[in-house]
PDB file of N, CA and C in Angstrom:
ATOM      1  N   UNK A   1     105.440 208.721 143.411  1.00  0.00           N
ATOM      2  CA  UNK A   1     106.790 208.972 143.889  1.00  0.00           C
ATOM      3  C   UNK A   1     107.660 209.426 142.759  1.00  0.00           C
ATOM      4  N   UNK A   2     108.646 210.226 143.054  1.00  0.00           N
ATOM      5  CA  UNK A   2     109.564 210.681 142.087  1.00  0.00           C
ATOM      6  C   UNK A   2     110.965 210.297 142.480  1.00  0.00           C
ATOM      7  N   UNK A   3     111.749 209.837 141.457  1.00  0.00           N
ATOM      8  CA  UNK A   3     113.150 209.569 141.774  1.00  0.00           C
ATOM      9  C   UNK A   3     113.953 210.824 141.398  1.00  0.00           C
ATOM     10  N   UNK A   4     115.231 210.787 141.699  1.00  0.00           N
ATOM     11  CA  UNK A   4     116.040 212.004 141.544  1.00  0.00           C
ATOM     12  C   UNK A   4     116.111 212.468 140.035  1.00  0.00           C
ATOM     13  N   UNK A   5     115.984 211.543 139.126  1.00  0.00           N
ATOM     14  CA  UNK A   5     116.111 211.893 137.738  1.00  0.00           C
ATOM     15  C   UNK A   5     114.792 212.379 137.112  1.00  0.00           C
ATOM     16  N   UNK A   6     113.704 212.061 137.771  1.00  0.00           N
ATOM     17  CA  UNK A   6     112.358 212.469 137.251  1.00  0.00           C
ATOM     18  C   UNK A   6     112.054 213.900 137.730  1.00  0.00           C
ATOM     19  N   UNK A   7     111.526 214.699 136.826  1.00  0.00           N
ATOM     20  CA  UNK A   7     111.219 216.056 137.144  1.00  0.00           C
ATOM     21  C   UNK A   7     109.913 216.109 137.950  1.00  0.00           C
ATOM     22  N   UNK A   8     109.938 216.876 139.061  1.00  0.00           N
ATOM     23  CA  UNK A   8     108.748 216.993 139.894  1.00  0.00           C
ATOM     24  C   UNK A   8     107.913 218.149 139.340  1.00  0.00           C
ATOM     25  N   UNK A   9     106.593 218.063 139.476  1.00  0.00           N
ATOM     26  CA  UNK A   9     105.753 219.166 138.977  1.00  0.00           C
ATOM     27  C   UNK A   9     105.937 220.404 139.822  1.00  0.00           C
ATOM     28  N   UNK A  10     105.747 221.575 139.174  1.00  0.00           N
ATOM     29  CA  UNK A  10     105.815 222.836 139.904  1.00  0.00           C
ATOM     30  C   UNK A  10     104.471 223.081 140.578  1.00  0.00           C
ATOM     31  N   UNK A  11     104.444 222.936 141.878  1.00  0.00           N
ATOM     32  CA  UNK A  11     103.165 223.074 142.592  1.00  0.00           C
ATOM     33  C   UNK A  11     103.167 224.313 143.519  1.00  0.00           C
ATOM     34  N   UNK A  12     104.168 225.127 143.424  1.00  0.00           N
ATOM     35  CA  UNK A  12     104.260 226.292 144.291  1.00  0.00           C
ATOM     36  C   UNK A  12     103.042 227.208 144.049  1.00  0.00           C
ATOM     37  N   UNK A  13     102.423 227.585 145.113  1.00  0.00           N
ATOM     38  CA  UNK A  13     101.252 228.470 145.036  1.00  0.00           C
ATOM     39  C   UNK A  13      99.934 227.707 144.866  1.00  0.00           C
ATOM     40  N   UNK A  14     100.000 226.428 144.674  1.00  0.00           N
ATOM     41  CA  UNK A  14      98.780 225.625 144.538  1.00  0.00           C
ATOM     42  C   UNK A  14      98.401 224.986 145.856  1.00  0.00           C
ATOM     43  N   UNK A  15      97.143 224.663 146.085  1.00  0.00           N
ATOM     44  CA  UNK A  15      96.803 223.981 147.324  1.00  0.00           C
ATOM     45  C   UNK A  15      97.447 222.597 147.326  1.00  0.00           C
ATOM     46  N   UNK A  16      97.789 222.105 148.514  1.00  0.00           N
ATOM     47  CA  UNK A  16      98.475 220.791 148.548  1.00  0.00           C
ATOM     48  C   UNK A  16      97.608 219.614 148.050  1.00  0.00           C
ATOM     49  N   UNK A  17      96.290 219.752 148.266  1.00  0.00           N
ATOM     50  CA  UNK A  17      95.389 218.685 147.856  1.00  0.00           C
ATOM     51  C   UNK A  17      94.160 219.311 147.215  1.00  0.00           C
ATOM     52  N   UNK A  18      93.601 218.643 146.229  1.00  0.00           N
ATOM     53  CA  UNK A  18      92.402 219.130 145.544  1.00  0.00           C
ATOM     54  C   UNK A  18      91.405 217.998 145.388  1.00  0.00           C
ATOM     55  N   UNK A  19      90.139 218.400 145.420  1.00  0.00           N
ATOM     56  CA  UNK A  19      89.061 217.424 145.172  1.00  0.00           C
ATOM     57  C   UNK A  19      88.999 217.122 143.674  1.00  0.00           C
ATOM     58  N   UNK A  20      88.761 215.879 143.366  1.00  0.00           N
ATOM     59  CA  UNK A  20      88.586 215.450 141.971  1.00  0.00           C
ATOM     60  C   UNK A  20      87.220 214.782 141.854  1.00  0.00           C
ATOM     61  N   UNK A  21      86.360 215.323 141.019  1.00  0.00           N
ATOM     62  CA  UNK A  21      85.044 214.682 140.888  1.00  0.00           C
ATOM     63  C   UNK A  21      85.222 213.231 140.451  1.00  0.00           C
ATOM     64  N   UNK A  22      84.682 212.285 141.208  1.00  0.00           N
ATOM     65  CA  UNK A  22      84.890 210.866 140.921  1.00  0.00           C
ATOM     66  C   UNK A  22      84.364 210.499 139.577  1.00  0.00           C
ATOM     67  N   UNK A  23      83.308 211.158 139.099  1.00  0.00           N
ATOM     68  CA  UNK A  23      82.749 210.788 137.839  1.00  0.00           C
ATOM     69  C   UNK A  23      83.516 211.364 136.628  1.00  0.00           C
ATOM     70  N   UNK A  24      84.575 212.121 136.941  1.00  0.00           N
ATOM     71  CA  UNK A  24      85.454 212.639 135.891  1.00  0.00           C
ATOM     72  C   UNK A  24      86.675 211.730 135.668  1.00  0.00           C
ATOM     73  N   UNK A  25      86.857 210.736 136.550  1.00  0.00           N
ATOM     74  CA  UNK A  25      87.945 209.794 136.375  1.00  0.00           C
ATOM     75  C   UNK A  25      87.559 208.774 135.330  1.00  0.00           C
ATOM     76  N   UNK A  26      88.550 208.226 134.637  1.00  0.00           N
ATOM     77  CA  UNK A  26      88.251 207.127 133.714  1.00  0.00           C
ATOM     78  C   UNK A  26      87.768 205.942 134.543  1.00  0.00           C
ATOM     79  N   UNK A  27      86.992 205.069 133.957  1.00  0.00           N
ATOM     80  CA  UNK A  27      86.510 203.882 134.711  1.00  0.00           C
ATOM     81  C   UNK A  27      87.657 203.092 135.329  1.00  0.00           C
ATOM     82  N   UNK A  28      88.735 202.939 134.573  1.00  0.00           N
ATOM     83  CA  UNK A  28      89.850 202.103 135.091  1.00  0.00           C
ATOM     84  C   UNK A  28      90.572 202.844 136.218  1.00  0.00           C
ATOM     85  N   UNK A  29      90.731 204.144 136.115  1.00  0.00           N
ATOM     86  CA  UNK A  29      91.347 204.903 137.204  1.00  0.00           C
ATOM     87  C   UNK A  29      90.545 204.856 138.467  1.00  0.00           C
ATOM     88  N   UNK A  30      89.193 205.034 138.313  1.00  0.00           N
ATOM     89  CA  UNK A  30      88.315 204.967 139.464  1.00  0.00           C
ATOM     90  C   UNK A  30      88.365 203.555 140.122  1.00  0.00           C
ATOM     91  N   UNK A  31      88.338 202.572 139.294  1.00  0.00           N
ATOM     92  CA  UNK A  31      88.401 201.175 139.805  1.00  0.00           C
ATOM     93  C   UNK A  31      89.665 200.973 140.564  1.00  0.00           C
ATOM     94  N   UNK A  32      90.827 201.445 140.027  1.00  0.00           N
ATOM     95  CA  UNK A  32      92.096 201.274 140.711  1.00  0.00           C
ATOM     96  C   UNK A  32      92.123 201.999 142.026  1.00  0.00           C
ATOM     97  N   UNK A  33      91.589 203.225 142.115  1.00  0.00           N
ATOM     98  CA  UNK A  33      91.588 203.977 143.347  1.00  0.00           C
ATOM     99  C   UNK A  33      90.730 203.257 144.370  1.00  0.00           C
ATOM    100  N   UNK A  34      89.562 202.799 143.982  1.00  0.00           N
ATOM    101  CA  UNK A  34      88.710 202.089 144.908  1.00  0.00           C
ATOM    102  C   UNK A  34      89.292 200.801 145.403  1.00  0.00           C
ATOM    103  N   UNK A  35      89.872 200.013 144.494  1.00  0.00           N
ATOM    104  CA  UNK A  35      90.506 198.752 144.889  1.00  0.00           C
ATOM    105  C   UNK A  35      91.670 198.963 145.809  1.00  0.00           C
ATOM    106  N   UNK A  36      92.469 199.948 145.533  1.00  0.00           N
ATOM    107  CA  UNK A  36      93.623 200.254 146.386  1.00  0.00           C
ATOM    108  C   UNK A  36      93.128 200.641 147.779  1.00  0.00           C
ATOM    109  N   UNK A  37      92.095 201.403 147.832  1.00  0.00           N
ATOM    110  CA  UNK A  37      91.549 201.830 149.082  1.00  0.00           C
ATOM    111  C   UNK A  37      91.029 200.685 149.930  1.00  0.00           C
ATOM    112  N   UNK A  38      90.224 199.805 149.356  1.00  0.00           N
ATOM    113  CA  UNK A  38      89.580 198.771 150.120  1.00  0.00           C
ATOM    114  C   UNK A  38      90.527 197.619 150.474  1.00  0.00           C
ATOM    115  N   UNK A  39      91.703 197.540 149.830  1.00  0.00           N
ATOM    116  CA  UNK A  39      92.640 196.486 150.151  1.00  0.00           C
ATOM    117  C   UNK A  39      93.765 196.945 151.074  1.00  0.00           C
ATOM    118  N   UNK A  40      93.667 198.170 151.560  1.00  0.00           N
ATOM    119  CA  UNK A  40      94.673 198.659 152.499  1.00  0.00           C
ATOM    120  C   UNK A  40      94.551 197.916 153.853  1.00  0.00           C
ATOM    121  N   UNK A  41      95.666 197.845 154.519  1.00  0.00           N
ATOM    122  CA  UNK A  41      95.684 197.295 155.886  1.00  0.00           C
ATOM    123  C   UNK A  41      94.760 198.105 156.770  1.00  0.00           C
ATOM    124  N   UNK A  42      93.930 197.445 157.552  1.00  0.00           N
ATOM    125  CA  UNK A  42      93.057 198.163 158.441  1.00  0.00           C
ATOM    126  C   UNK A  42      91.651 198.421 157.904  1.00  0.00           C
ATOM    127  N   UNK A  43      91.383 197.937 156.681  1.00  0.00           N
ATOM    128  CA  UNK A  43      90.035 198.128 156.125  1.00  0.00           C
ATOM    129  C   UNK A  43      89.236 196.839 156.122  1.00  0.00           C
ATOM    130  N   UNK A  44      89.624 195.918 157.001  1.00  0.00           N
ATOM    131  CA  UNK A  44      88.904 194.657 157.075  1.00  0.00           C
ATOM    132  C   UNK A  44      87.459 194.867 157.575  1.00  0.00           C
ATOM    133  N   UNK A  45      86.612 193.997 157.252  1.00  0.00           N
ATOM    134  CA  UNK A  45      85.209 194.068 157.660  1.00  0.00           C
ATOM    135  C   UNK A  45      84.885 193.258 158.890  1.00  0.00           C
ATOM    136  N   UNK A  46      85.889 192.812 159.654  1.00  0.00           N
ATOM    137  CA  UNK A  46      85.633 192.025 160.806  1.00  0.00           C
ATOM    138  C   UNK A  46      85.847 190.544 160.543  1.00  0.00           C
ATOM    139  N   UNK A  47      85.162 189.745 161.295  1.00  0.00           N
ATOM    140  CA  UNK A  47      85.283 188.289 161.168  1.00  0.00           C
ATOM    141  C   UNK A  47      84.765 187.752 159.867  1.00  0.00           C
ATOM    142  N   UNK A  48      83.778 188.413 159.313  1.00  0.00           N
ATOM    143  CA  UNK A  48      83.154 187.922 158.090  1.00  0.00           C
ATOM    144  C   UNK A  48      84.004 188.358 156.858  1.00  0.00           C
ATOM    145  N   UNK A  49      84.286 187.410 155.982  1.00  0.00           N
ATOM    146  CA  UNK A  49      84.990 187.744 154.727  1.00  0.00           C
ATOM    147  C   UNK A  49      84.022 188.431 153.775  1.00  0.00           C
ATOM    148  N   UNK A  50      84.501 189.522 153.194  1.00  0.00           N
ATOM    149  CA  UNK A  50      83.718 190.259 152.214  1.00  0.00           C
ATOM    150  C   UNK A  50      84.502 190.316 150.912  1.00  0.00           C
ATOM    151  N   UNK A  51      83.861 189.970 149.833  1.00  0.00           N
ATOM    152  CA  UNK A  51      84.532 189.916 148.526  1.00  0.00           C
ATOM    153  C   UNK A  51      84.976 191.330 148.085  1.00  0.00           C
ATOM    154  N   UNK A  52      86.060 191.357 147.368  1.00  0.00           N
ATOM    155  CA  UNK A  52      86.577 192.633 146.834  1.00  0.00           C
ATOM    156  C   UNK A  52      85.519 193.348 146.054  1.00  0.00           C
ATOM    157  N   UNK A  53      84.773 192.671 145.220  1.00  0.00           N
ATOM    158  CA  UNK A  53      83.753 193.340 144.432  1.00  0.00           C
ATOM    159  C   UNK A  53      82.674 193.984 145.305  1.00  0.00           C
ATOM    160  N   UNK A  54      82.356 193.349 146.403  1.00  0.00           N
ATOM    161  CA  UNK A  54      81.366 193.879 147.304  1.00  0.00           C
ATOM    162  C   UNK A  54      81.914 195.143 147.989  1.00  0.00           C
ATOM    163  N   UNK A  55      83.165 195.127 148.412  1.00  0.00           N
ATOM    164  CA  UNK A  55      83.767 196.265 149.047  1.00  0.00           C
ATOM    165  C   UNK A  55      83.831 197.430 148.094  1.00  0.00           C
ATOM    166  N   UNK A  56      84.251 197.181 146.836  1.00  0.00           N
ATOM    167  CA  UNK A  56      84.301 198.225 145.830  1.00  0.00           C
ATOM    168  C   UNK A  56      82.903 198.832 145.562  1.00  0.00           C
ATOM    169  N   UNK A  57      81.926 197.939 145.453  1.00  0.00           N
ATOM    170  CA  UNK A  57      80.547 198.382 145.243  1.00  0.00           C
ATOM    171  C   UNK A  57      80.097 199.316 146.382  1.00  0.00           C
ATOM    172  N   UNK A  58      80.418 198.979 147.623  1.00  0.00           N
ATOM    173  CA  UNK A  58      80.064 199.798 148.754  1.00  0.00           C
ATOM    174  C   UNK A  58      80.720 201.170 148.684  1.00  0.00           C
ATOM    175  N   UNK A  59      81.996 201.235 148.294  1.00  0.00           N
ATOM    176  CA  UNK A  59      82.704 202.477 148.186  1.00  0.00           C
ATOM    177  C   UNK A  59      82.095 203.321 147.032  1.00  0.00           C
ATOM    178  N   UNK A  60      81.784 202.669 145.928  1.00  0.00           N
ATOM    179  CA  UNK A  60      81.165 203.407 144.827  1.00  0.00           C
ATOM    180  C   UNK A  60      79.819 204.059 145.281  1.00  0.00           C
ATOM    181  N   UNK A  61      79.053 203.320 146.006  1.00  0.00           N
ATOM    182  CA  UNK A  61      77.793 203.888 146.500  1.00  0.00           C
ATOM    183  C   UNK A  61      78.050 205.099 147.390  1.00  0.00           C
ATOM    184  N   UNK A  62      79.095 205.033 148.222  1.00  0.00           N
ATOM    185  CA  UNK A  62      79.444 206.166 149.052  1.00  0.00           C
ATOM    186  C   UNK A  62      79.878 207.372 148.250  1.00  0.00           C
ATOM    187  N   UNK A  63      80.599 207.101 147.165  1.00  0.00           N
ATOM    188  CA  UNK A  63      80.986 208.170 146.258  1.00  0.00           C
ATOM    189  C   UNK A  63      79.743 208.806 145.608  1.00  0.00           C
ATOM    190  N   UNK A  64      78.863 207.971 145.147  1.00  0.00           N
ATOM    191  CA  UNK A  64      77.607 208.441 144.506  1.00  0.00           C
ATOM    192  C   UNK A  64      76.779 209.271 145.442  1.00  0.00           C
ATOM    193  N   UNK A  65      76.732 208.913 146.729  1.00  0.00           N
ATOM    194  CA  UNK A  65      75.953 209.673 147.723  1.00  0.00           C
ATOM    195  C   UNK A  65      76.692 210.882 148.230  1.00  0.00           C
ATOM    196  N   UNK A  66      77.945 211.087 147.870  1.00  0.00           N
ATOM    197  CA  UNK A  66      78.753 212.203 148.338  1.00  0.00           C
ATOM    198  C   UNK A  66      79.312 212.038 149.731  1.00  0.00           C
ATOM    199  N   UNK A  67      79.273 210.827 150.267  1.00  0.00           N
ATOM    200  CA  UNK A  67      79.816 210.579 151.581  1.00  0.00           C
ATOM    201  C   UNK A  67      81.338 210.453 151.573  1.00  0.00           C
ATOM    202  N   UNK A  68      81.868 210.020 150.433  1.00  0.00           N
ATOM    203  CA  UNK A  68      83.305 209.851 150.246  1.00  0.00           C
ATOM    204  C   UNK A  68      83.688 210.640 149.022  1.00  0.00           C
ATOM    205  N   UNK A  69      84.905 211.248 148.999  1.00  0.00           N
ATOM    206  CA  UNK A  69      85.371 212.041 147.859  1.00  0.00           C
ATOM    207  C   UNK A  69      86.751 211.563 147.480  1.00  0.00           C
ATOM    208  N   UNK A  70      87.154 211.891 146.251  1.00  0.00           N
ATOM    209  CA  UNK A  70      88.479 211.633 145.746  1.00  0.00           C
ATOM    210  C   UNK A  70      89.315 212.882 145.963  1.00  0.00           C
ATOM    211  N   UNK A  71      90.491 212.700 146.574  1.00  0.00           N
ATOM    212  CA  UNK A  71      91.383 213.806 146.841  1.00  0.00           C
ATOM    213  C   UNK A  71      92.706 213.500 146.126  1.00  0.00           C
ATOM    214  N   UNK A  72      93.224 214.462 145.406  1.00  0.00           N
ATOM    215  CA  UNK A  72      94.494 214.291 144.719  1.00  0.00           C
ATOM    216  C   UNK A  72      95.533 215.119 145.428  1.00  0.00           C
ATOM    217  N   UNK A  73      96.624 214.482 145.853  1.00  0.00           N
ATOM    218  CA  UNK A  73      97.733 215.146 146.517  1.00  0.00           C
ATOM    219  C   UNK A  73      98.752 215.537 145.438  1.00  0.00           C
ATOM    220  N   UNK A  74      98.941 216.854 145.307  1.00  0.00           N
ATOM    221  CA  UNK A  74      99.822 217.366 144.250  1.00  0.00           C
ATOM    222  C   UNK A  74     101.275 216.995 144.476  1.00  0.00           C
ATOM    223  N   UNK A  75     101.713 216.990 145.734  1.00  0.00           N
ATOM    224  CA  UNK A  75     103.122 216.710 146.035  1.00  0.00           C
ATOM    225  C   UNK A  75     103.486 215.286 145.702  1.00  0.00           C
ATOM    226  N   UNK A  76     102.637 214.332 146.108  1.00  0.00           N
ATOM    227  CA  UNK A  76     102.940 212.944 145.885  1.00  0.00           C
ATOM    228  C   UNK A  76     102.382 212.415 144.555  1.00  0.00           C
ATOM    229  N   UNK A  77     101.523 213.223 143.928  1.00  0.00           N
ATOM    230  CA  UNK A  77     100.901 212.844 142.666  1.00  0.00           C
ATOM    231  C   UNK A  77     100.110 211.559 142.850  1.00  0.00           C
ATOM    232  N   UNK A  78      99.357 211.501 143.957  1.00  0.00           N
ATOM    233  CA  UNK A  78      98.569 210.310 144.253  1.00  0.00           C
ATOM    234  C   UNK A  78      97.133 210.686 144.627  1.00  0.00           C
ATOM    235  N   UNK A  79      96.213 209.737 144.410  1.00  0.00           N
ATOM    236  CA  UNK A  79      94.821 209.950 144.744  1.00  0.00           C
ATOM    237  C   UNK A  79      94.510 209.132 145.980  1.00  0.00           C
ATOM    238  N   UNK A  80      93.533 209.609 146.721  1.00  0.00           N
ATOM    239  CA  UNK A  80      93.109 208.960 147.934  1.00  0.00           C
ATOM    240  C   UNK A  80      91.615 209.184 148.109  1.00  0.00           C
ATOM    241  N   UNK A  81      90.956 208.318 148.861  1.00  0.00           N
ATOM    242  CA  UNK A  81      89.545 208.492 149.219  1.00  0.00           C
ATOM    243  C   UNK A  81      89.493 208.915 150.669  1.00  0.00           C
ATOM    244  N   UNK A  82      88.688 209.927 150.935  1.00  0.00           N
ATOM    245  CA  UNK A  82      88.448 210.362 152.322  1.00  0.00           C
ATOM    246  C   UNK A  82      86.959 210.677 152.444  1.00  0.00           C
ATOM    247  N   UNK A  83      86.503 210.756 153.694  1.00  0.00           N
ATOM    248  CA  UNK A  83      85.095 211.102 153.862  1.00  0.00           C
ATOM    249  C   UNK A  83      84.961 212.583 153.492  1.00  0.00           C
ATOM    250  N   UNK A  84      83.754 212.912 153.070  1.00  0.00           N
ATOM    251  CA  UNK A  84      83.448 214.278 152.725  1.00  0.00           C
ATOM    252  C   UNK A  84      83.665 215.207 153.952  1.00  0.00           C
ATOM    253  N   UNK A  85      83.321 214.667 155.101  1.00  0.00           N
ATOM    254  CA  UNK A  85      83.500 215.413 156.357  1.00  0.00           C
ATOM    255  C   UNK A  85      84.984 215.719 156.602  1.00  0.00           C
ATOM    256  N   UNK A  86      85.871 214.721 156.375  1.00  0.00           N
ATOM    257  CA  UNK A  86      87.303 214.938 156.552  1.00  0.00           C
ATOM    258  C   UNK A  86      87.817 215.999 155.558  1.00  0.00           C
ATOM    259  N   UNK A  87      87.327 215.965 154.323  1.00  0.00           N
ATOM    260  CA  UNK A  87      87.774 216.893 153.296  1.00  0.00           C
ATOM    261  C   UNK A  87      87.351 218.304 153.713  1.00  0.00           C
ATOM    262  N   UNK A  88      86.090 218.479 154.166  1.00  0.00           N
ATOM    263  CA  UNK A  88      85.648 219.804 154.608  1.00  0.00           C
ATOM    264  C   UNK A  88      86.464 220.277 155.776  1.00  0.00           C
ATOM    265  N   UNK A  89      86.735 219.429 156.752  1.00  0.00           N
ATOM    266  CA  UNK A  89      87.507 219.797 157.928  1.00  0.00           C
ATOM    267  C   UNK A  89      88.917 220.257 157.561  1.00  0.00           C
ATOM    268  N   UNK A  90      89.484 219.643 156.520  1.00  0.00           N
ATOM    269  CA  UNK A  90      90.808 220.007 156.057  1.00  0.00           C
ATOM    270  C   UNK A  90      90.801 221.146 155.028  1.00  0.00           C
ATOM    271  N   UNK A  91      89.600 221.661 154.749  1.00  0.00           N
ATOM    272  CA  UNK A  91      89.481 222.758 153.755  1.00  0.00           C
ATOM    273  C   UNK A  91      90.013 222.342 152.387  1.00  0.00           C
ATOM    274  N   UNK A  92      89.783 221.114 152.001  1.00  0.00           N
ATOM    275  CA  UNK A  92      90.206 220.622 150.680  1.00  0.00           C
ATOM    276  C   UNK A  92      89.078 220.936 149.683  1.00  0.00           C
ATOM    277  N   UNK A  93      89.437 221.666 148.697  1.00  0.00           N
ATOM    278  CA  UNK A  93      88.458 222.111 147.660  1.00  0.00           C
ATOM    279  C   UNK A  93      88.796 221.593 146.325  1.00  0.00           C
TER     280      UNK A  93
END
């Protein structure tokens, strides 16, 4: 997010979202993206409690298999995880 005093990046002419190779992120950045994703509302695993470390491990495996990808939104300057299918459908490259 940007406040009024902070300068926004010039993104005119760029695609709104771009794929970021997960293995190019620093370990701490990747960990943060995965933890933020698995702790969002609506990502519960049902009645059974699943540890955060197990959820993160599952997401990392999905990244390694190419089932999930990291998408960076240039306007909001934020990263998100989406399925590879969703990224293809949205023409995110």
